[in-house]
């Protein structure tokens, strides 16, 4: 009988011998990781010494700059070697780290006074507080990258032949049909949720439809350079998503699909020019849609209150107001301030240091008991909401504290060791998702997206954003494998190591 572990890692080729093939994907990633880890450990020791010698200001520049530069270089080298690495969790982990713990932390140092007032209005962060946050982030990244390296080493299997779904032979047609089907259902779910019909459409349906939509969009994006219809589908699709984004007052409705489309386009042929253009497209879309949705959301609150809902014509009218030059009072907070997590991270770290630790990990065993069986069950996976309540914010929204600060809040420095098994998992999944992409096994592509999305959750708490999704993705993996086994199969040659 096949063990669950063997089935889960069905995306790994068979091992041939005890050593790692020097030309294998895992070996190439380890060659990038080892100097990255060495630099990170050296900078961690340097910053620790500076912190204890009164050089907190230097720590607040050196630490985030190191994370930003090393993650950016490593990711660029990774995708330059192989385009299939673009949607692996290792790429995603570095990406969110360089944005939040790199750029976001550097912005916290240089934020203008009017932004500083808004950032610190709940908890005034000192230079020493920020330095402690950066040390926690550096240490957490050390543990994470060491775990990933261990995962790559443990599961460093060599290439082998694979049984594939015959969908891979007709990928563009599959992508087009998948995108249109997913887009149709996602649009209906978005409209239903926007105008409070969500009780008629379970949220799980919208989530599944979005995974299908993203899968199709990525596949179509890979044909963007060589297929006129692919260009039309991507452009028209993004225009339609812009309209949905405006009426739902939610920029993510446009930005997430746009990111997937750009990743698909870039993955066809990786080079510096395409990465720069793709990044510029996403940044431009964000710069255009973010102020509009912010304005329309606030106007909706002004006119209808927290629970009110504007009509379709009112929503479009708010957008038209913004286009006509209407602005809200006060200076607008720059978009980059949204990735400044230093204040909430500093607050929870100070909570532990002042003898007020979080009970999240201590109560984690309770998460397997349904709340309908225990109405007063302690909160086990919602530290962001707990933080909102501690700060006195009357809102159902959560505040991100980052995974490493969340762990520190529970048990201090030693709790960061819990990042190691997570890193091993992401190392294994980096190989698995790369093999799925190299095979063109599009049936499994929603799993690739789900793992990639999970890797971008380092700005959230440990249990809800990272541990629980491991369990969910395991079930998701099996379901997709079962679905793939029901489709006709096709043989293809051994997996190409270049991925182009």
Protein backbone atom coordinates (compact mmCIF):
# COMPACT_ATOMS: atom_id res chain seq x y z
CA UNK A 1 0.00 0.00 0.00
CA UNK A 2 1.34 3.44 -0.99
CA UNK A 3 1.99 5.73 1.97
CA UNK A 4 0.31 9.17 2.15
CA UNK A 5 3.72 10.85 1.93
CA UNK A 6 4.57 8.97 -1.26
CA UNK A 7 1.27 9.98 -2.82
CA UNK A 8 1.60 13.61 -1.77
CA UNK A 9 5.02 13.87 -3.37
CA UNK A 10 3.94 12.16 -6.57
CA UNK A 11 5.24 15.22 -8.40
CA UNK A 12 8.79 14.24 -7.46
CA UNK A 13 10.64 12.04 -9.96
CA UNK A 14 12.21 8.79 -8.78
CA UNK A 15 15.52 9.06 -6.92
CA UNK A 16 18.54 7.73 -8.78
CA UNK A 17 21.40 7.15 -6.38
CA UNK A 18 22.25 8.95 -3.17
CA UNK A 19 23.84 12.11 -4.50
CA UNK A 20 22.29 15.16 -6.10
CA UNK A 21 22.71 15.51 -9.84
CA UNK A 22 24.82 18.70 -10.20
CA UNK A 23 22.67 19.81 -13.11
CA UNK A 24 19.33 19.23 -11.40
CA UNK A 25 16.88 21.96 -10.45
CA UNK A 26 17.43 21.31 -6.73
CA UNK A 27 21.22 21.53 -7.07
CA UNK A 28 20.99 24.83 -8.93
CA UNK A 29 18.71 26.31 -6.27
CA UNK A 30 20.99 25.11 -3.48
CA UNK A 31 23.91 26.78 -5.26
CA UNK A 32 21.98 30.07 -5.04
CA UNK A 33 20.72 29.51 -1.51
CA UNK A 34 23.97 28.69 0.26
CA UNK A 35 25.71 32.06 -0.34
CA UNK A 36 22.40 33.83 0.34
CA UNK A 37 22.14 32.08 3.72
CA UNK A 38 25.79 32.86 4.50
CA UNK A 39 25.25 36.57 3.81
CA UNK A 40 22.04 36.63 5.87
CA UNK A 41 23.70 34.91 8.85
CA UNK A 42 26.69 37.26 8.73
CA UNK A 43 24.42 40.33 8.61
CA UNK A 44 22.31 38.91 11.46
CA UNK A 45 25.41 38.63 13.66
CA UNK A 46 26.52 42.13 12.65
CA UNK A 47 23.11 43.67 13.38
CA UNK A 48 22.86 41.85 16.70
CA UNK A 49 26.18 43.34 17.76
CA UNK A 50 25.16 46.81 16.57
CA UNK A 51 21.84 46.54 18.41
CA UNK A 52 23.57 45.80 21.73
CA UNK A 53 26.17 48.53 21.13
CA UNK A 54 23.58 51.24 20.58
CA UNK A 55 23.63 51.20 16.79
CA UNK A 56 19.88 50.69 16.35
CA UNK A 57 19.66 53.28 13.56
CA UNK A 58 22.25 51.38 11.53
CA UNK A 59 20.33 48.12 12.07
CA UNK A 60 17.18 49.74 10.64
CA UNK A 61 19.01 50.38 7.38
CA UNK A 62 21.39 47.43 7.07
CA UNK A 63 18.88 44.68 7.91
CA UNK A 64 16.06 45.58 5.47
CA UNK A 65 18.55 46.56 2.75
CA UNK A 66 20.19 43.12 3.05
CA UNK A 67 16.86 41.32 2.78
CA UNK A 68 15.83 43.47 -0.19
CA UNK A 69 19.06 43.08 -2.18
CA UNK A 70 19.76 39.39 -1.48
CA UNK A 71 16.15 38.31 -2.18
CA UNK A 72 15.97 40.37 -5.38
CA UNK A 73 19.27 39.03 -6.74
CA UNK A 74 18.47 35.43 -5.80
CA UNK A 75 15.01 35.59 -7.40
CA UNK A 76 16.39 37.14 -10.57
CA UNK A 77 19.07 34.44 -10.85
CA UNK A 78 16.47 31.77 -10.10
CA UNK A 79 14.08 32.68 -12.91
CA UNK A 80 16.92 33.50 -15.28
CA UNK A 81 18.10 29.90 -14.90
CA UNK A 82 14.61 28.47 -15.36
CA UNK A 83 11.31 30.18 -16.13
CA UNK A 84 9.32 27.41 -14.40
CA UNK A 85 10.70 28.69 -11.08
CA UNK A 86 8.56 31.84 -11.38
CA UNK A 87 5.56 30.39 -9.53
CA UNK A 88 7.42 28.26 -7.01
CA UNK A 89 7.01 29.03 -3.30
CA UNK A 90 10.72 29.85 -2.90
CA UNK A 91 10.28 32.69 -5.39
CA UNK A 92 7.14 33.81 -3.55
CA UNK A 93 8.82 33.77 -0.12
CA UNK A 94 11.66 35.96 -1.34
CA UNK A 95 9.22 38.26 -3.11
CA UNK A 96 7.06 38.98 -0.05
CA UNK A 97 10.18 39.29 2.13
CA UNK A 98 11.82 41.91 -0.09
CA UNK A 99 8.55 43.88 -0.26
CA UNK A 100 7.52 43.79 3.43
CA UNK A 101 10.76 43.23 5.38
CA UNK A 102 12.90 45.05 2.83
CA UNK A 103 11.15 47.94 1.07
CA UNK A 104 8.44 48.36 3.72
CA UNK A 105 10.95 48.54 6.58
CA UNK A 106 13.19 50.98 4.70
CA UNK A 107 10.16 53.19 4.03
CA UNK A 108 9.41 53.19 7.76
CA UNK A 109 12.80 54.84 8.33
CA UNK A 110 12.24 57.57 5.73
CA UNK A 111 8.45 58.09 6.03
CA UNK A 112 7.42 61.79 5.94
CA UNK A 113 5.94 63.33 9.08
CA UNK A 114 2.28 63.19 8.01
CA UNK A 115 2.63 59.47 7.23
CA UNK A 116 4.57 58.87 10.45
CA UNK A 117 1.68 60.37 12.44
CA UNK A 118 -0.80 57.98 10.84
CA UNK A 119 1.48 54.95 11.20
CA UNK A 120 2.18 55.64 14.89
CA UNK A 121 -1.24 56.89 15.94
CA UNK A 122 -1.92 53.64 17.83
CA UNK A 123 1.56 52.70 19.04
CA UNK A 124 4.57 55.01 18.85
CA UNK A 125 7.49 52.97 17.52
CA UNK A 126 10.94 54.02 18.72
CA UNK A 127 14.18 53.45 16.80
CA UNK A 128 15.02 50.63 19.24
CA UNK A 129 11.58 49.04 18.70
CA UNK A 130 12.09 49.07 14.94
CA UNK A 131 15.58 47.59 15.31
CA UNK A 132 14.17 44.71 17.40
CA UNK A 133 11.61 44.07 14.65
CA UNK A 134 14.34 43.96 12.00
CA UNK A 135 16.38 41.53 14.10
CA UNK A 136 13.36 39.24 14.48
CA UNK A 137 12.75 39.42 10.73
CA UNK A 138 16.40 38.66 9.93
CA UNK A 139 16.44 35.67 12.28
CA UNK A 140 13.14 34.41 10.90
CA UNK A 141 14.46 34.64 7.33
CA UNK A 142 17.60 32.76 8.40
CA UNK A 143 15.48 29.91 9.78
CA UNK A 144 13.20 29.91 6.75
CA UNK A 145 15.99 29.76 4.16
CA UNK A 146 17.86 27.07 6.11
CA UNK A 147 14.63 25.03 6.18
CA UNK A 148 14.09 25.53 2.44
CA UNK A 149 17.66 24.39 1.76
CA UNK A 150 17.04 21.27 3.86
CA UNK A 151 13.81 20.59 1.97
CA UNK A 152 15.56 20.94 -1.39
CA UNK A 153 18.30 18.58 -0.22
CA UNK A 154 15.94 15.97 1.21
CA UNK A 155 13.71 15.94 -1.88
CA UNK A 156 16.44 16.56 -4.47
CA UNK A 157 15.21 13.96 -6.95
CA UNK A 158 16.39 13.77 -10.55
CA UNK A 159 14.34 13.94 -13.76
CA UNK A 160 12.06 11.08 -14.81
CA UNK A 161 9.20 10.39 -17.15
CA UNK A 162 5.71 11.17 -15.96
CA UNK A 163 2.17 10.16 -16.88
CA UNK A 164 0.39 13.36 -17.93
CA UNK A 165 -3.08 14.51 -18.80
CA UNK A 166 -3.55 14.93 -22.55
CA UNK A 167 -4.70 18.50 -21.84
CA UNK A 168 -1.07 19.55 -22.09
CA UNK A 169 -1.09 18.98 -25.85
CA UNK A 170 -3.82 21.60 -26.32
CA UNK A 171 -2.79 24.04 -23.63
CA UNK A 172 -3.97 27.30 -25.24
CA UNK A 173 -7.47 25.98 -25.99
CA UNK A 174 -7.67 24.56 -22.47
CA UNK A 175 -6.45 27.86 -21.04
CA UNK A 176 -8.99 29.89 -23.00
CA UNK A 177 -11.95 27.72 -22.00
CA UNK A 178 -10.77 27.53 -18.40
CA UNK A 179 -10.31 31.30 -18.15
CA UNK A 180 -13.71 32.10 -19.66
CA UNK A 181 -15.49 29.59 -17.42
CA UNK A 182 -13.69 30.77 -14.29
CA UNK A 183 -14.16 34.44 -15.19
CA UNK A 184 -17.91 33.97 -15.71
CA UNK A 185 -18.46 32.31 -12.33
CA UNK A 186 -16.05 34.67 -10.52
CA UNK A 187 -17.85 37.68 -11.98
CA UNK A 188 -21.22 36.39 -10.81
CA UNK A 189 -19.79 35.66 -7.34
CA UNK A 190 -18.21 39.14 -7.14
CA UNK A 191 -21.45 40.85 -8.15
CA UNK A 192 -23.44 38.70 -5.71
CA UNK A 193 -21.07 39.54 -2.86
CA UNK A 194 -20.97 43.24 -3.79
CA UNK A 195 -24.73 43.66 -3.77
CA UNK A 196 -25.29 41.36 -0.78
CA UNK A 197 -26.47 38.28 -2.61
CA UNK A 198 -23.59 36.31 -1.08
CA UNK A 199 -25.90 34.06 0.90
CA UNK A 200 -27.05 32.61 -2.40
CA UNK A 201 -23.47 31.96 -3.59
CA UNK A 202 -21.21 30.13 -1.12
CA UNK A 203 -17.77 31.76 -0.86
CA UNK A 204 -16.11 28.42 -1.62
CA UNK A 205 -17.60 28.52 -5.11
CA UNK A 206 -16.02 31.90 -5.75
CA UNK A 207 -12.64 30.67 -4.48
CA UNK A 208 -12.65 27.59 -6.72
CA UNK A 209 -13.80 29.64 -9.70
CA UNK A 210 -10.99 32.14 -9.10
CA UNK A 211 -8.40 29.33 -9.06
CA UNK A 212 -9.82 28.10 -12.38
CA UNK A 213 -9.79 31.64 -13.80
CA UNK A 214 -6.17 32.21 -12.76
CA UNK A 215 -5.11 28.87 -14.23
CA UNK A 216 -6.60 29.73 -17.60
CA UNK A 217 -5.19 33.25 -17.55
CA UNK A 218 -1.66 32.02 -16.87
CA UNK A 219 -1.86 29.48 -19.70
CA UNK A 220 -3.21 32.09 -22.12
CA UNK A 221 -0.52 34.52 -20.98
CA UNK A 222 2.20 32.07 -21.98
CA UNK A 223 0.94 32.33 -25.58
CA UNK A 224 0.77 36.14 -25.52
CA UNK A 225 3.86 36.63 -27.74
CA UNK A 226 2.83 34.20 -30.47
CA UNK A 227 -0.95 34.28 -30.56
CA UNK A 228 -3.11 37.29 -31.48
CA UNK A 229 -6.14 35.79 -29.77
CA UNK A 230 -4.15 35.50 -26.53
CA UNK A 231 -3.39 39.23 -26.70
CA UNK A 232 -7.07 40.04 -27.24
CA UNK A 233 -8.20 37.77 -24.38
CA UNK A 234 -5.70 39.25 -21.89
CA UNK A 235 -6.43 42.89 -22.79
CA UNK A 236 -10.23 42.53 -22.95
CA UNK A 237 -10.20 40.40 -19.79
CA UNK A 238 -8.29 43.05 -17.84
CA UNK A 239 -10.65 45.77 -19.08
CA UNK A 240 -13.63 43.74 -17.85
CA UNK A 241 -11.87 43.11 -14.53
CA UNK A 242 -11.25 46.86 -14.17
CA UNK A 243 -15.00 47.42 -14.39
CA UNK A 244 -15.62 44.70 -11.78
CA UNK A 245 -12.95 46.24 -9.56
CA UNK A 246 -14.67 49.62 -9.69
CA UNK A 247 -18.16 48.34 -8.88
CA UNK A 248 -16.91 46.02 -6.11
CA UNK A 249 -14.68 48.80 -4.65
CA UNK A 250 -11.91 46.20 -4.50
CA UNK A 251 -8.61 46.71 -6.32
CA UNK A 252 -7.62 43.04 -5.83
CA UNK A 253 -10.30 42.00 -8.33
CA UNK A 254 -8.07 43.53 -11.01
CA UNK A 255 -4.57 43.32 -9.56
CA UNK A 256 -4.41 39.59 -8.76
CA UNK A 257 -5.49 38.43 -12.25
CA UNK A 258 -3.22 41.07 -13.81
CA UNK A 259 -0.27 39.70 -11.82
CA UNK A 260 -1.05 36.14 -12.95
CA UNK A 261 -1.31 37.26 -16.60
CA UNK A 262 2.01 39.11 -16.39
CA UNK A 263 3.70 36.11 -14.75
CA UNK A 264 2.39 33.91 -17.56
CA UNK A 265 3.71 36.31 -20.21
CA UNK A 266 7.11 36.64 -18.54
CA UNK A 267 7.47 32.89 -17.97
CA UNK A 268 7.44 32.22 -21.73
CA UNK A 269 10.80 33.96 -22.06
CA UNK A 270 12.66 35.34 -19.06
CA UNK A 271 14.92 38.36 -19.49
CA UNK A 272 15.59 41.65 -17.71
CA UNK A 273 13.59 43.72 -20.21
CA UNK A 274 10.44 41.61 -19.82
CA UNK A 275 10.72 41.59 -16.02
CA UNK A 276 11.07 45.38 -15.94
CA UNK A 277 8.13 45.89 -18.33
CA UNK A 278 5.97 43.39 -16.43
CA UNK A 279 6.79 45.01 -13.09
CA UNK A 280 6.06 48.45 -14.56
CA UNK A 281 2.64 47.25 -15.78
CA UNK A 282 1.66 45.97 -12.32
CA UNK A 283 2.98 49.09 -10.55
CA UNK A 284 1.11 51.31 -13.04
CA UNK A 285 -2.15 49.39 -12.62
CA UNK A 286 -1.80 49.62 -8.84
CA UNK A 287 -1.06 53.35 -9.00
CA UNK A 288 -4.13 53.91 -11.17
CA UNK A 289 -6.70 51.66 -9.45
CA UNK A 290 -5.66 52.08 -5.79
CA UNK A 291 -6.63 55.77 -5.33
CA UNK A 292 -9.90 55.25 -7.24
CA UNK A 293 -11.05 52.30 -5.13
CA UNK A 294 -9.93 54.05 -1.93
CA UNK A 295 -11.96 57.13 -2.88
CA UNK A 296 -15.06 55.15 -3.90
CA UNK A 297 -14.94 53.00 -0.76
CA UNK A 298 -14.76 56.04 1.52
CA UNK A 299 -17.54 57.78 -0.42
CA UNK A 300 -19.69 54.69 0.02
CA UNK A 301 -19.05 54.79 3.79
CA UNK A 302 -19.86 58.50 3.91
CA UNK A 303 -23.15 58.05 2.09
CA UNK A 304 -24.32 54.68 3.40
CA UNK A 305 -22.38 53.91 6.59
CA UNK A 306 -20.51 50.74 7.56
CA UNK A 307 -23.31 48.34 6.60
CA UNK A 308 -24.83 50.28 3.69
CA UNK A 309 -24.49 49.41 0.04
CA UNK A 310 -24.43 51.87 -2.86
CA UNK A 311 -26.23 51.02 -6.07
CA UNK A 312 -24.39 50.28 -9.30
CA UNK A 313 -25.01 53.78 -10.65
CA UNK A 314 -23.79 55.35 -7.38
CA UNK A 315 -20.58 53.32 -7.45
CA UNK A 316 -19.84 54.33 -11.02
CA UNK A 317 -20.73 57.90 -10.03
CA UNK A 318 -18.12 57.86 -7.24
CA UNK A 319 -15.50 56.70 -9.74
CA UNK A 320 -16.57 59.46 -12.12
CA UNK A 321 -16.19 62.01 -9.30
CA UNK A 322 -12.60 60.94 -8.80
CA UNK A 323 -11.91 61.11 -12.54
CA UNK A 324 -13.29 64.65 -12.52
CA UNK A 325 -10.72 65.70 -9.94
CA UNK A 326 -12.61 65.28 -6.66
CA UNK A 327 -10.32 64.48 -3.72
CA UNK A 328 -10.80 63.60 -0.07
CA UNK A 329 -9.53 66.05 2.58
CA UNK A 330 -5.99 65.58 3.86
CA UNK A 331 -2.83 64.32 2.18
CA UNK A 332 -3.06 60.90 0.58
CA UNK A 333 -0.95 58.16 2.13
CA UNK A 334 1.55 56.73 -0.41
CA UNK A 335 0.81 53.22 -1.60
CA UNK A 336 4.13 51.90 -0.24
CA UNK A 337 2.97 52.75 3.30
CA UNK A 338 0.59 49.79 3.01
CA UNK A 339 3.57 47.41 3.22
CA UNK A 340 5.06 49.07 6.32
CA UNK A 341 4.47 46.44 9.03
CA UNK A 342 6.99 47.76 11.55
CA UNK A 343 4.43 49.31 13.92
CA UNK A 344 2.17 46.23 14.39
CA UNK A 345 5.22 43.93 14.56
CA UNK A 346 6.86 46.20 17.17
CA UNK A 347 3.67 46.23 19.23
CA UNK A 348 3.31 42.44 19.49
CA UNK A 349 7.04 42.02 20.18
CA UNK A 350 6.73 44.55 23.03
CA UNK A 351 3.71 42.63 24.31
CA UNK A 352 5.82 39.51 24.81
CA UNK A 353 8.75 41.46 26.24
CA UNK A 354 6.38 43.04 28.77
CA UNK A 355 5.07 39.66 29.93
CA UNK A 356 1.93 39.55 27.78
CA UNK A 357 2.47 36.67 25.31
CA UNK A 358 -0.07 35.45 22.79
CA UNK A 359 -1.95 32.22 23.51
CA UNK A 360 -2.28 31.31 19.84
CA UNK A 361 0.22 28.43 19.80
CA UNK A 362 -0.78 27.23 23.26
CA UNK A 363 -4.40 26.97 22.11
CA UNK A 364 -3.58 25.59 18.64
CA UNK A 365 -4.87 22.11 19.49
CA UNK A 366 -8.36 23.56 19.86
CA UNK A 367 -8.52 24.49 16.17
CA UNK A 368 -9.60 20.92 15.34
CA UNK A 369 -12.76 21.36 17.44
CA UNK A 370 -15.56 23.01 15.40
CA UNK A 371 -16.77 26.26 16.95
CA UNK A 372 -20.41 25.17 16.69
CA UNK A 373 -19.52 22.46 19.23
CA UNK A 374 -17.75 24.96 21.50
CA UNK A 375 -19.05 28.49 21.11
CA UNK A 376 -16.56 29.93 23.63
CA UNK A 377 -13.54 28.21 22.09
CA UNK A 378 -10.38 30.36 22.44
CA UNK A 379 -9.18 32.15 19.32
CA UNK A 380 -6.60 29.86 17.75
CA UNK A 381 -5.78 31.33 14.36
CA UNK A 382 -6.76 34.98 14.25
CA UNK A 383 -3.96 36.96 15.89
CA UNK A 384 -4.55 39.88 13.53
CA UNK A 385 -8.05 40.33 14.93
CA UNK A 386 -6.75 39.99 18.50
CA UNK A 387 -4.22 42.72 17.74
CA UNK A 388 -6.97 44.99 16.42
CA UNK A 389 -8.84 44.56 19.69
CA UNK A 390 -5.71 45.18 21.81
CA UNK A 391 -5.05 48.41 19.92
CA UNK A 392 -8.64 49.49 20.48
CA UNK A 393 -9.71 49.41 16.83
CA UNK A 394 -13.45 48.92 16.47
CA UNK A 395 -13.29 46.87 13.28
CA UNK A 396 -13.68 43.31 12.06
CA UNK A 397 -10.56 43.78 9.93
CA UNK A 398 -7.30 42.14 10.88
CA UNK A 399 -3.90 43.81 11.14
CA UNK A 400 -0.95 41.89 9.71
CA UNK A 401 1.98 41.44 12.10
CA UNK A 402 4.20 39.18 9.94
CA UNK A 403 4.75 35.50 10.65
CA UNK A 404 8.04 35.94 12.51
CA UNK A 405 6.72 38.66 14.84
CA UNK A 406 3.60 36.54 15.48
CA UNK A 407 5.79 33.61 16.56
CA UNK A 408 7.92 35.86 18.78
CA UNK A 409 4.73 37.12 20.42
CA UNK A 410 3.99 33.53 21.47
CA UNK A 411 7.31 32.36 22.91
CA UNK A 412 10.11 34.79 22.11
CA UNK A 413 13.26 33.96 20.14
CA UNK A 414 12.99 30.18 20.54
CA UNK A 415 9.63 30.10 18.79
CA UNK A 416 11.33 31.09 15.52
CA UNK A 417 12.65 27.50 15.35
CA UNK A 418 9.11 26.60 14.24
CA UNK A 419 9.90 28.28 10.93
CA UNK A 420 12.32 25.43 10.07
CA UNK A 421 9.69 22.72 9.33
CA UNK A 422 7.73 25.27 7.33
CA UNK A 423 10.86 25.98 5.30
CA UNK A 424 11.38 22.25 4.67
CA UNK A 425 7.79 22.04 3.40
CA UNK A 426 8.30 25.00 1.07
CA UNK A 427 11.56 23.47 -0.18
CA UNK A 428 9.74 20.25 -1.05
CA UNK A 429 6.88 22.17 -2.66
CA UNK A 430 9.36 24.23 -4.70
CA UNK A 431 10.48 21.03 -6.41
CA UNK A 432 6.93 19.68 -6.74
CA UNK A 433 5.46 22.86 -8.26
CA UNK A 434 8.42 23.29 -10.60
CA UNK A 435 7.92 19.74 -11.89
CA UNK A 436 4.21 20.35 -12.46
CA UNK A 437 5.02 23.43 -14.54
CA UNK A 438 7.86 21.70 -16.40
CA UNK A 439 5.48 18.86 -17.29
CA UNK A 440 2.73 21.20 -18.49
CA UNK A 441 0.39 19.31 -16.13
CA UNK A 442 -2.31 21.99 -16.18
CA UNK A 443 -4.78 19.92 -14.19
CA UNK A 444 -2.48 20.43 -11.20
CA UNK A 445 -1.94 24.12 -11.88
CA UNK A 446 -4.55 25.33 -9.32
CA UNK A 447 -2.41 23.52 -6.71
CA UNK A 448 0.65 25.45 -7.92
CA UNK A 449 -1.26 28.73 -7.54
CA UNK A 450 -2.52 27.75 -4.10
CA UNK A 451 1.00 26.96 -2.84
CA UNK A 452 2.36 30.14 -4.41
CA UNK A 453 -0.38 32.22 -2.75
CA UNK A 454 0.42 30.52 0.55
CA UNK A 455 4.09 31.50 0.21
CA UNK A 456 3.04 35.16 0.01
CA UNK A 457 1.53 35.01 3.50
CA UNK A 458 4.65 35.94 5.48
CA UNK A 459 2.89 39.20 6.33
CA UNK A 460 0.22 37.26 8.25
CA UNK A 461 0.08 35.09 11.35
CA UNK A 462 1.68 31.65 11.58
CA UNK A 463 -1.22 29.27 12.09
CA UNK A 464 -4.01 30.73 9.96
CA UNK A 465 -1.89 31.82 7.01
CA UNK A 466 0.71 29.07 6.83
CA UNK A 467 0.08 25.98 8.98
CA UNK A 468 -3.64 25.48 8.32
CA UNK A 469 -3.17 25.94 4.52
CA UNK A 470 -0.71 23.00 4.58
CA UNK A 471 -3.61 20.76 5.60
CA UNK A 472 -6.00 22.35 3.10
CA UNK A 473 -3.51 22.09 0.23
CA UNK A 474 -2.88 18.44 1.01
CA UNK A 475 -6.58 17.70 0.50
CA UNK A 476 -6.61 19.94 -2.59
CA UNK A 477 -3.65 18.01 -4.02
CA UNK A 478 -5.42 14.66 -3.68
CA UNK A 479 -8.62 16.00 -5.25
CA UNK A 480 -6.75 17.32 -8.28
CA UNK A 481 -4.81 14.08 -8.64
CA UNK A 482 -8.09 12.16 -8.63
CA UNK A 483 -9.52 14.55 -11.24
CA UNK A 484 -6.41 14.15 -13.39
CA UNK A 485 -6.61 10.36 -13.22
CA UNK A 486 -10.07 10.52 -14.79
CA UNK A 487 -8.77 12.32 -17.88
CA UNK A 488 -7.08 10.70 -20.92
CA UNK A 489 -3.34 10.43 -20.49
CA UNK A 490 -0.45 11.20 -22.80
CA UNK A 491 3.24 10.38 -22.65
CA UNK A 492 5.86 12.96 -23.12
CA UNK A 493 9.65 12.89 -23.04
CA UNK A 494 11.68 13.33 -19.92
CA UNK A 495 11.29 16.60 -18.08
CA UNK A 496 13.45 19.35 -19.60
CA UNK A 497 15.83 20.90 -17.16
CA UNK A 498 15.74 24.35 -18.77
CA UNK A 499 12.02 24.83 -18.45
CA UNK A 500 11.86 27.11 -21.53
